[in-house]
Amino acid sequence: MIRGLYTASTGMIAQQEKMDVISNNLANVNTTGFKKDGVIIESFDSVLTKKINDNSAPMNETIGKMTLGCKVGNIYTDNSQGGATITNNPLNIALLGKGMICVGVEDKEGNLNTRYTRDGSFILSSDGTLKTKEGNYILGQNGKIKLENASNIRISEDGTIFQNGIEVDKILIKDFQNPESLRKIGDNLYKKTDDSIEKEADGKILQGYLESSNVNTVREMVDMISVMRTYEANQKIIQTQDETLSKAVNEIGRL
């Protein structure tokens, strides 16, 4: 009976974690280049159960395998392509295909740490440096990218930037053999881990477009309803177990 309480509680905890992921997806439905997350729920490792201290059966007779509830096994990122929305802004790009735009994030010591994003909504700072909306630097093959102004800018499919017909730099784009190794760090940025293996990207760039989030609002709402119902079912199981335990203690125990 006590085991039933713990088993149902693990289901509630797992559904709560799944609800957090769904809520984050819905909160970023309008975030440029956002990639939704998914949850894999799995059972705890099964254990082999045996009879002990039972005179009606041989000692240590095997009963079978038993699991004690479920847990969140993995949270993964769906890297499927989002739609391209036209903006006609020359500083906006959408990346079609695989790859990540390299971004330089400045630390307190002034060093640039390379991070990655699919958000192609760039701005031009007062000194002509190309940046993200959060103020991080867009990296080119020569480091920071500097432009004279926001006019007469053309960005080719391979990321080469031209201004007034003159080549300025090329946006640095990287792909990974194992994109699942990347970790989200906020501000629509990713960082690589020790397991990440870089490779050249073969994606194409569309100037004047932005990649939409790949979150399907309807699907996320359906998943949210399913999670709520599963959570409520586990909650009712706990209430039933608690009532049964209360009767066992207060009524049967008096006999």
C-alpha atoms as a PDB file:
ATOM      1  CA  MET A   1       0.000   0.000   0.000  1.00  0.00           C
ATOM      2  CA  ILE A   2       2.794   2.409   0.909  1.00  0.00           C
ATOM      3  CA  ARG A   3       4.528   1.389  -2.309  1.00  0.00           C
ATOM      4  CA  GLY A   4       1.408   2.481  -4.199  1.00  0.00           C
ATOM      5  CA  LEU A   5       1.725   5.974  -2.703  1.00  0.00           C
ATOM      6  CA  TYR A   6       5.328   6.292  -3.819  1.00  0.00           C
ATOM      7  CA  THR A   7       4.577   4.888  -7.272  1.00  0.00           C
ATOM      8  CA  ALA A   8       1.780   7.371  -7.898  1.00  0.00           C
ATOM      9  CA  SER A   9       3.896  10.231  -6.583  1.00  0.00           C
ATOM     10  CA  THR A  10       6.665   9.476  -9.096  1.00  0.00           C
ATOM     11  CA  GLY A  11       4.061   9.761 -11.852  1.00  0.00           C
ATOM     12  CA  MET A  12       3.009  13.186 -10.570  1.00  0.00           C
ATOM     13  CA  ILE A  13       6.614  14.392 -10.404  1.00  0.00           C
ATOM     14  CA  ALA A  14       7.300  13.216 -13.964  1.00  0.00           C
ATOM     15  CA  GLN A  15       4.161  14.913 -15.285  1.00  0.00           C
ATOM     16  CA  GLN A  16       5.105  18.136 -13.484  1.00  0.00           C
ATOM     17  CA  GLU A  17       8.486  18.152 -15.225  1.00  0.00           C
ATOM     18  CA  LYS A  18       6.786  17.515 -18.564  1.00  0.00           C
ATOM     19  CA  MET A  19       4.382  20.393 -17.891  1.00  0.00           C
ATOM     20  CA  ASP A  20       7.358  22.712 -17.277  1.00  0.00           C
ATOM     21  CA  VAL A  21       8.815  21.790 -20.677  1.00  0.00           C
ATOM     22  CA  ILE A  22       5.466  22.312 -22.455  1.00  0.00           C
ATOM     23  CA  SER A  23       5.008  25.684 -20.744  1.00  0.00           C
ATOM     24  CA  ASN A  24       8.454  26.777 -21.895  1.00  0.00           C
ATOM     25  CA  ASN A  25       7.630  25.719 -25.463  1.00  0.00           C
ATOM     26  CA  LEU A  26       4.408  27.740 -25.451  1.00  0.00           C
ATOM     27  CA  ALA A  27       6.178  30.757 -23.939  1.00  0.00           C
ATOM     28  CA  ASN A  28       8.597  30.725 -26.897  1.00  0.00           C
ATOM     29  CA  VAL A  29       6.091  30.140 -29.691  1.00  0.00           C
ATOM     30  CA  ASN A  30       6.958  33.575 -31.128  1.00  0.00           C
ATOM     31  CA  THR A  31      10.701  33.416 -30.421  1.00  0.00           C
ATOM     32  CA  THR A  32      12.725  33.562 -33.623  1.00  0.00           C
ATOM     33  CA  GLY A  33      14.508  30.296 -34.409  1.00  0.00           C
ATOM     34  CA  PHE A  34      13.395  28.613 -31.180  1.00  0.00           C
ATOM     35  CA  LYS A  35      13.530  24.801 -31.150  1.00  0.00           C
ATOM     36  CA  LYS A  36      10.988  23.045 -28.955  1.00  0.00           C
ATOM     37  CA  ASP A  37      11.899  20.492 -26.312  1.00  0.00           C
ATOM     38  CA  GLY A  38      10.345  17.092 -25.711  1.00  0.00           C
ATOM     39  CA  VAL A  39      10.263  14.717 -22.746  1.00  0.00           C
ATOM     40  CA  ILE A  40      10.850  10.966 -22.648  1.00  0.00           C
ATOM     41  CA  ILE A  41       9.293   9.287 -19.609  1.00  0.00           C
ATOM     42  CA  GLU A  42      10.503   5.820 -18.701  1.00  0.00           C
ATOM     43  CA  SER A  43       9.973   3.366 -15.865  1.00  0.00           C
ATOM     44  CA  PHE A  44      12.472   2.886 -13.092  1.00  0.00           C
ATOM     45  CA  ASP A  45      14.812  -0.047 -13.512  1.00  0.00           C
ATOM     46  CA  SER A  46      12.923  -3.256 -12.752  1.00  0.00           C
ATOM     47  CA  VAL A  47      13.944  -5.323  -9.740  1.00  0.00           C
ATOM     48  CA  LEU A  48      13.609  -9.063  -9.202  1.00  0.00           C
ATOM     49  CA  THR A  49      11.227  -9.900  -6.316  1.00  0.00           C
ATOM     50  CA  LYS A  50      11.340 -13.080  -4.231  1.00  0.00           C
ATOM     51  CA  LYS A  51       9.261 -14.604  -1.456  1.00  0.00           C
ATOM     52  CA  ILE A  52      10.851 -14.594   1.991  1.00  0.00           C
ATOM     53  CA  ASN A  53       9.586 -15.937   5.297  1.00  0.00           C
ATOM     54  CA  ASP A  54       6.666 -17.662   3.550  1.00  0.00           C
ATOM     55  CA  ASN A  55       6.041 -21.224   4.781  1.00  0.00           C
ATOM     56  CA  SER A  56       3.516 -21.924   2.041  1.00  0.00           C
ATOM     57  CA  ALA A  57       6.199 -21.719  -0.663  1.00  0.00           C
ATOM     58  CA  PRO A  58       9.856 -22.623  -1.024  1.00  0.00           C
ATOM     59  CA  MET A  59      12.201 -20.057   0.437  1.00  0.00           C
ATOM     60  CA  ASN A  60      13.412 -17.348  -1.964  1.00  0.00           C
ATOM     61  CA  GLU A  61      10.955 -18.429  -4.658  1.00  0.00           C
ATOM     62  CA  THR A  62      11.103 -15.941  -7.534  1.00  0.00           C
ATOM     63  CA  ILE A  63       7.866 -13.968  -7.993  1.00  0.00           C
ATOM     64  CA  GLY A  64       8.902 -11.890 -10.985  1.00  0.00           C
ATOM     65  CA  LYS A  65      10.069  -8.422 -11.905  1.00  0.00           C
ATOM     66  CA  MET A  66       8.624  -5.232 -10.482  1.00  0.00           C
ATOM     67  CA  THR A  67       9.066  -1.526 -11.148  1.00  0.00           C
ATOM     68  CA  LEU A  68       8.455   1.323  -8.741  1.00  0.00           C
ATOM     69  CA  GLY A  69       6.941   4.058 -10.884  1.00  0.00           C
ATOM     70  CA  CYS A  70       8.364   6.240 -13.628  1.00  0.00           C
ATOM     71  CA  LYS A  71      10.846   9.055 -14.143  1.00  0.00           C
ATOM     72  CA  VAL A  72      11.930  11.559 -16.784  1.00  0.00           C
ATOM     73  CA  GLY A  73      14.551   9.691 -18.767  1.00  0.00           C
ATOM     74  CA  ASN A  74      15.574  12.454 -21.133  1.00  0.00           C
ATOM     75  CA  ILE A  75      14.691  15.958 -22.298  1.00  0.00           C
ATOM     76  CA  TYR A  76      15.587  16.395 -25.960  1.00  0.00           C
ATOM     77  CA  THR A  77      15.491  19.259 -28.461  1.00  0.00           C
ATOM     78  CA  ASP A  78      13.560  18.942 -31.716  1.00  0.00           C
ATOM     79  CA  ASN A  79      15.809  20.555 -34.336  1.00  0.00           C
ATOM     80  CA  SER A  80      13.306  20.395 -37.178  1.00  0.00           C
ATOM     81  CA  GLN A  81      13.123  23.386 -39.528  1.00  0.00           C
ATOM     82  CA  GLY A  82      10.829  26.290 -38.665  1.00  0.00           C
ATOM     83  CA  GLY A  83       8.977  28.335 -41.267  1.00  0.00           C
ATOM     84  CA  ALA A  84      10.556  31.351 -43.003  1.00  0.00           C
ATOM     85  CA  THR A  85       8.752  34.648 -42.417  1.00  0.00           C
ATOM     86  CA  ILE A  86       9.489  37.561 -44.732  1.00  0.00           C
ATOM     87  CA  THR A  87      10.532  40.853 -43.095  1.00  0.00           C
ATOM     88  CA  ASN A  88      12.337  42.704 -45.942  1.00  0.00           C
ATOM     89  CA  ASN A  89      14.877  43.852 -43.355  1.00  0.00           C
ATOM     90  CA  PRO A  90      18.398  43.499 -44.851  1.00  0.00           C
ATOM     91  CA  LEU A  91      19.794  42.690 -41.396  1.00  0.00           C
ATOM     92  CA  ASN A  92      17.462  39.711 -40.953  1.00  0.00           C
ATOM     93  CA  ILE A  93      18.423  36.227 -42.136  1.00  0.00           C
ATOM     94  CA  ALA A  94      16.789  32.793 -41.983  1.00  0.00           C
ATOM     95  CA  LEU A  95      18.963  29.712 -42.009  1.00  0.00           C
ATOM     96  CA  LEU A  96      17.491  26.929 -44.130  1.00  0.00           C
ATOM     97  CA  GLY A  97      18.834  23.477 -43.381  1.00  0.00           C
ATOM     98  CA  LYS A  98      21.229  22.353 -40.702  1.00  0.00           C
ATOM     99  CA  GLY A  99      23.670  24.633 -38.938  1.00  0.00           C
ATOM    100  CA  MET A 100      24.068  27.306 -36.293  1.00  0.00           C
ATOM    101  CA  ILE A 101      25.076  30.957 -36.467  1.00  0.00           C
ATOM    102  CA  CYS A 102      28.206  31.597 -34.394  1.00  0.00           C
ATOM    103  CA  VAL A 103      27.823  34.312 -31.766  1.00  0.00           C
ATOM    104  CA  GLY A 104      30.478  35.930 -29.574  1.00  0.00           C
ATOM    105  CA  VAL A 105      29.403  36.437 -25.958  1.00  0.00           C
ATOM    106  CA  GLU A 106      31.693  38.775 -24.048  1.00  0.00           C
ATOM    107  CA  ASP A 107      32.574  37.807 -20.471  1.00  0.00           C
ATOM    108  CA  LYS A 108      33.615  40.082 -17.616  1.00  0.00           C
ATOM    109  CA  GLU A 109      37.259  39.974 -18.731  1.00  0.00           C
ATOM    110  CA  GLY A 110      36.343  41.071 -22.256  1.00  0.00           C
ATOM    111  CA  ASN A 111      36.973  37.661 -23.826  1.00  0.00           C
ATOM    112  CA  LEU A 112      34.620  36.382 -26.524  1.00  0.00           C
ATOM    113  CA  ASN A 113      33.139  32.959 -25.930  1.00  0.00           C
ATOM    114  CA  THR A 114      31.601  31.297 -28.969  1.00  0.00           C
ATOM    115  CA  ARG A 115      27.952  30.369 -28.650  1.00  0.00           C
ATOM    116  CA  TYR A 116      25.410  29.303 -31.265  1.00  0.00           C
ATOM    117  CA  THR A 117      21.920  30.397 -32.312  1.00  0.00           C
ATOM    118  CA  ARG A 118      19.301  30.090 -35.051  1.00  0.00           C
ATOM    119  CA  ASP A 119      18.022  33.611 -34.383  1.00  0.00           C
ATOM    120  CA  GLY A 120      18.918  35.730 -37.401  1.00  0.00           C
ATOM    121  CA  SER A 121      17.380  39.027 -36.266  1.00  0.00           C
ATOM    122  CA  PHE A 122      20.507  41.200 -36.247  1.00  0.00           C
ATOM    123  CA  ILE A 123      20.995  44.856 -35.392  1.00  0.00           C
ATOM    124  CA  LEU A 124      23.746  47.352 -36.108  1.00  0.00           C
ATOM    125  CA  SER A 125      25.348  49.053 -33.101  1.00  0.00           C
ATOM    126  CA  SER A 126      26.391  52.707 -33.060  1.00  0.00           C
ATOM    127  CA  ASP A 127      29.966  51.752 -34.037  1.00  0.00           C
ATOM    128  CA  GLY A 128      28.771  49.628 -36.973  1.00  0.00           C
ATOM    129  CA  THR A 129      29.239  46.233 -35.319  1.00  0.00           C
ATOM    130  CA  LEU A 130      26.733  43.524 -36.237  1.00  0.00           C
ATOM    131  CA  LYS A 131      25.042  42.158 -33.108  1.00  0.00           C
ATOM    132  CA  THR A 132      22.107  40.119 -31.850  1.00  0.00           C
ATOM    133  CA  LYS A 133      19.170  41.824 -30.136  1.00  0.00           C
ATOM    134  CA  GLU A 134      20.721  40.859 -26.797  1.00  0.00           C
ATOM    135  CA  GLY A 135      23.937  42.716 -27.676  1.00  0.00           C
ATOM    136  CA  ASN A 136      26.127  39.703 -28.504  1.00  0.00           C
ATOM    137  CA  TYR A 137      28.474  39.842 -31.484  1.00  0.00           C
ATOM    138  CA  ILE A 138      27.831  38.047 -34.763  1.00  0.00           C
ATOM    139  CA  LEU A 139      31.056  36.301 -35.678  1.00  0.00           C
ATOM    140  CA  GLY A 140      32.562  36.250 -39.147  1.00  0.00           C
ATOM    141  CA  GLN A 141      35.621  34.522 -40.477  1.00  0.00           C
ATOM    142  CA  ASN A 142      37.644  37.570 -39.376  1.00  0.00           C
ATOM    143  CA  GLY A 143      36.012  37.935 -35.954  1.00  0.00           C
ATOM    144  CA  LYS A 144      33.536  40.734 -35.265  1.00  0.00           C
ATOM    145  CA  ILE A 145      31.684  41.983 -38.338  1.00  0.00           C
ATOM    146  CA  LYS A 146      31.723  45.750 -38.917  1.00  0.00           C
ATOM    147  CA  LEU A 147      29.666  47.655 -41.479  1.00  0.00           C
ATOM    148  CA  GLU A 148      29.558  51.317 -42.468  1.00  0.00           C
ATOM    149  CA  ASN A 149      25.783  51.606 -42.071  1.00  0.00           C
ATOM    150  CA  ALA A 150      22.583  49.626 -42.623  1.00  0.00           C
ATOM    151  CA  SER A 151      22.193  50.499 -46.306  1.00  0.00           C
ATOM    152  CA  ASN A 152      23.247  48.668 -49.505  1.00  0.00           C
ATOM    153  CA  ILE A 153      23.833  45.393 -47.666  1.00  0.00           C
ATOM    154  CA  ARG A 154      23.553  42.070 -49.451  1.00  0.00           C
ATOM    155  CA  ILE A 155      24.018  38.681 -47.812  1.00  0.00           C
ATOM    156  CA  SER A 156      24.497  35.722 -50.143  1.00  0.00           C
ATOM    157  CA  GLU A 157      23.276  32.169 -49.575  1.00  0.00           C
ATOM    158  CA  ASP A 158      26.632  31.102 -48.115  1.00  0.00           C
ATOM    159  CA  GLY A 159      26.663  34.006 -45.634  1.00  0.00           C
ATOM    160  CA  THR A 160      29.058  36.341 -47.471  1.00  0.00           C
ATOM    161  CA  ILE A 161      28.240  39.986 -46.667  1.00  0.00           C
ATOM    162  CA  PHE A 162      28.589  42.654 -49.347  1.00  0.00           C
ATOM    163  CA  GLN A 163      28.194  46.393 -48.852  1.00  0.00           C
ATOM    164  CA  ASN A 164      28.132  48.706 -51.854  1.00  0.00           C
ATOM    165  CA  GLY A 165      29.229  45.691 -53.908  1.00  0.00           C
ATOM    166  CA  ILE A 166      32.365  45.112 -51.815  1.00  0.00           C
ATOM    167  CA  GLU A 167      32.844  41.915 -49.810  1.00  0.00           C
ATOM    168  CA  VAL A 168      33.090  42.699 -46.094  1.00  0.00           C
ATOM    169  CA  ASP A 169      33.141  39.337 -44.323  1.00  0.00           C
ATOM    170  CA  LYS A 170      31.364  35.992 -44.167  1.00  0.00           C
ATOM    171  CA  ILE A 171      29.014  34.972 -41.358  1.00  0.00           C
ATOM    172  CA  LEU A 172      30.469  32.011 -39.500  1.00  0.00           C
ATOM    173  CA  ILE A 173      28.082  29.062 -39.506  1.00  0.00           C
ATOM    174  CA  LYS A 174      28.826  25.681 -37.940  1.00  0.00           C
ATOM    175  CA  ASP A 175      27.015  22.365 -37.848  1.00  0.00           C
ATOM    176  CA  PHE A 176      27.468  19.432 -35.491  1.00  0.00           C
ATOM    177  CA  GLN A 177      27.593  15.708 -36.086  1.00  0.00           C
ATOM    178  CA  ASN A 178      25.720  15.262 -32.805  1.00  0.00           C
ATOM    179  CA  PRO A 179      23.477  18.344 -32.309  1.00  0.00           C
ATOM    180  CA  GLU A 180      21.837  16.627 -29.334  1.00  0.00           C
ATOM    181  CA  SER A 181      25.052  17.330 -27.402  1.00  0.00           C
ATOM    182  CA  LEU A 182      24.409  21.103 -27.449  1.00  0.00           C
ATOM    183  CA  ARG A 183      22.969  22.707 -24.328  1.00  0.00           C
ATOM    184  CA  LYS A 184      20.548  25.635 -24.137  1.00  0.00           C
ATOM    185  CA  ILE A 185      21.863  28.462 -21.952  1.00  0.00           C
ATOM    186  CA  GLY A 186      19.146  31.115 -22.382  1.00  0.00           C
ATOM    187  CA  ASP A 187      18.786  34.141 -24.687  1.00  0.00           C
ATOM    188  CA  ASN A 188      18.112  31.678 -27.528  1.00  0.00           C
ATOM    189  CA  LEU A 189      21.754  30.531 -27.361  1.00  0.00           C
ATOM    190  CA  TYR A 190      23.408  27.126 -27.274  1.00  0.00           C
ATOM    191  CA  LYS A 191      26.833  26.076 -26.085  1.00  0.00           C
ATOM    192  CA  LYS A 192      28.756  22.991 -27.079  1.00  0.00           C
ATOM    193  CA  THR A 193      29.892  20.329 -24.639  1.00  0.00           C
ATOM    194  CA  ASP A 194      32.955  18.102 -24.555  1.00  0.00           C
ATOM    195  CA  ASP A 195      31.029  15.596 -26.686  1.00  0.00           C
ATOM    196  CA  SER A 196      30.143  18.090 -29.449  1.00  0.00           C
ATOM    197  CA  ILE A 197      31.827  17.469 -32.808  1.00  0.00           C
ATOM    198  CA  GLU A 198      31.851  20.433 -35.210  1.00  0.00           C
ATOM    199  CA  LYS A 199      31.559  20.194 -38.962  1.00  0.00           C
ATOM    200  CA  GLU A 200      30.956  22.565 -41.845  1.00  0.00           C
ATOM    201  CA  ALA A 201      27.333  23.533 -42.346  1.00  0.00           C
ATOM    202  CA  ASP A 202      25.566  23.081 -45.659  1.00  0.00           C
ATOM    203  CA  GLY A 203      22.534  25.248 -44.853  1.00  0.00           C
ATOM    204  CA  LYS A 204      21.529  28.223 -46.994  1.00  0.00           C
ATOM    205  CA  ILE A 205      20.815  31.771 -45.888  1.00  0.00           C
ATOM    206  CA  LEU A 206      17.790  33.816 -46.924  1.00  0.00           C
ATOM    207  CA  GLN A 207      18.242  37.556 -46.473  1.00  0.00           C
ATOM    208  CA  GLY A 208      15.171  39.521 -45.430  1.00  0.00           C
ATOM    209  CA  TYR A 209      13.558  36.543 -43.691  1.00  0.00           C
ATOM    210  CA  LEU A 210      13.406  35.136 -40.160  1.00  0.00           C
ATOM    211  CA  GLU A 211      12.984  31.521 -39.120  1.00  0.00           C
ATOM    212  CA  SER A 212       9.871  30.989 -37.024  1.00  0.00           C
ATOM    213  CA  SER A 213       9.695  28.784 -33.948  1.00  0.00           C
ATOM    214  CA  ASN A 214       8.957  25.123 -34.698  1.00  0.00           C
ATOM    215  CA  VAL A 215       6.447  24.959 -31.826  1.00  0.00           C
ATOM    216  CA  ASN A 216       2.990  23.722 -32.856  1.00  0.00           C
ATOM    217  CA  THR A 217       0.620  25.533 -30.491  1.00  0.00           C
ATOM    218  CA  VAL A 218      -2.293  23.124 -30.962  1.00  0.00           C
ATOM    219  CA  ARG A 219      -0.131  20.057 -30.340  1.00  0.00           C
ATOM    220  CA  GLU A 220       1.386  21.616 -27.221  1.00  0.00           C
ATOM    221  CA  MET A 221      -2.077  22.469 -25.855  1.00  0.00           C
ATOM    222  CA  VAL A 222      -3.257  18.883 -26.464  1.00  0.00           C
ATOM    223  CA  ASP A 223      -0.155  17.574 -24.677  1.00  0.00           C
ATOM    224  CA  MET A 224      -0.830  19.960 -21.801  1.00  0.00           C
ATOM    225  CA  ILE A 225      -4.383  18.635 -21.366  1.00  0.00           C
ATOM    226  CA  SER A 226      -3.076  15.062 -21.460  1.00  0.00           C
ATOM    227  CA  VAL A 227      -0.481  15.864 -18.791  1.00  0.00           C
ATOM    228  CA  MET A 228      -3.114  17.490 -16.553  1.00  0.00           C
ATOM    229  CA  ARG A 229      -5.402  14.452 -16.799  1.00  0.00           C
ATOM    230  CA  THR A 230      -2.573  12.046 -16.044  1.00  0.00           C
ATOM    231  CA  TYR A 231      -1.523  14.182 -13.079  1.00  0.00           C
ATOM    232  CA  GLU A 232      -5.105  14.207 -11.744  1.00  0.00           C
ATOM    233  CA  ALA A 233      -5.369  10.421 -12.160  1.00  0.00           C
ATOM    234  CA  ASN A 234      -2.235   9.915 -10.066  1.00  0.00           C
ATOM    235  CA  GLN A 235      -3.592  12.385  -7.530  1.00  0.00           C
ATOM    236  CA  LYS A 236      -6.814  10.367  -7.169  1.00  0.00           C
ATOM    237  CA  ILE A 237      -4.786   7.174  -6.751  1.00  0.00           C
ATOM    238  CA  ILE A 238      -2.907   8.767  -3.854  1.00  0.00           C
ATOM    239  CA  GLN A 239      -6.178   9.901  -2.259  1.00  0.00           C
ATOM    240  CA  THR A 240      -7.627   6.386  -2.562  1.00  0.00           C
ATOM    241  CA  GLN A 241      -4.475   4.816  -1.142  1.00  0.00           C
ATOM    242  CA  ASP A 242      -4.535   7.294   1.743  1.00  0.00           C
ATOM    243  CA  GLU A 243      -8.180   6.557   2.546  1.00  0.00           C
ATOM    244  CA  THR A 244      -7.557   2.799   2.437  1.00  0.00           C
ATOM    245  CA  LEU A 245      -4.539   3.165   4.695  1.00  0.00           C
ATOM    246  CA  SER A 246      -6.564   5.284   7.110  1.00  0.00           C
ATOM    247  CA  LYS A 247      -9.248   2.571   7.375  1.00  0.00           C
ATOM    248  CA  ALA A 248      -6.608  -0.097   7.882  1.00  0.00           C
ATOM    249  CA  VAL A 249      -5.100   1.833  10.775  1.00  0.00           C
ATOM    250  CA  ASN A 250      -8.218   3.215  12.458  1.00  0.00           C
ATOM    251  CA  GLU A 251     -10.823   0.473  11.855  1.00  0.00           C
ATOM    252  CA  ILE A 252      -9.182  -2.862  11.116  1.00  0.00           C
ATOM    253  CA  GLY A 253      -6.522  -2.202  13.703  1.00  0.00           C
ATOM    254  CA  ARG A 254      -9.165  -2.098  16.480  1.00  0.00           C
ATOM    255  CA  LEU A 255     -10.406  -5.615  15.787  1.00  0.00           C
END
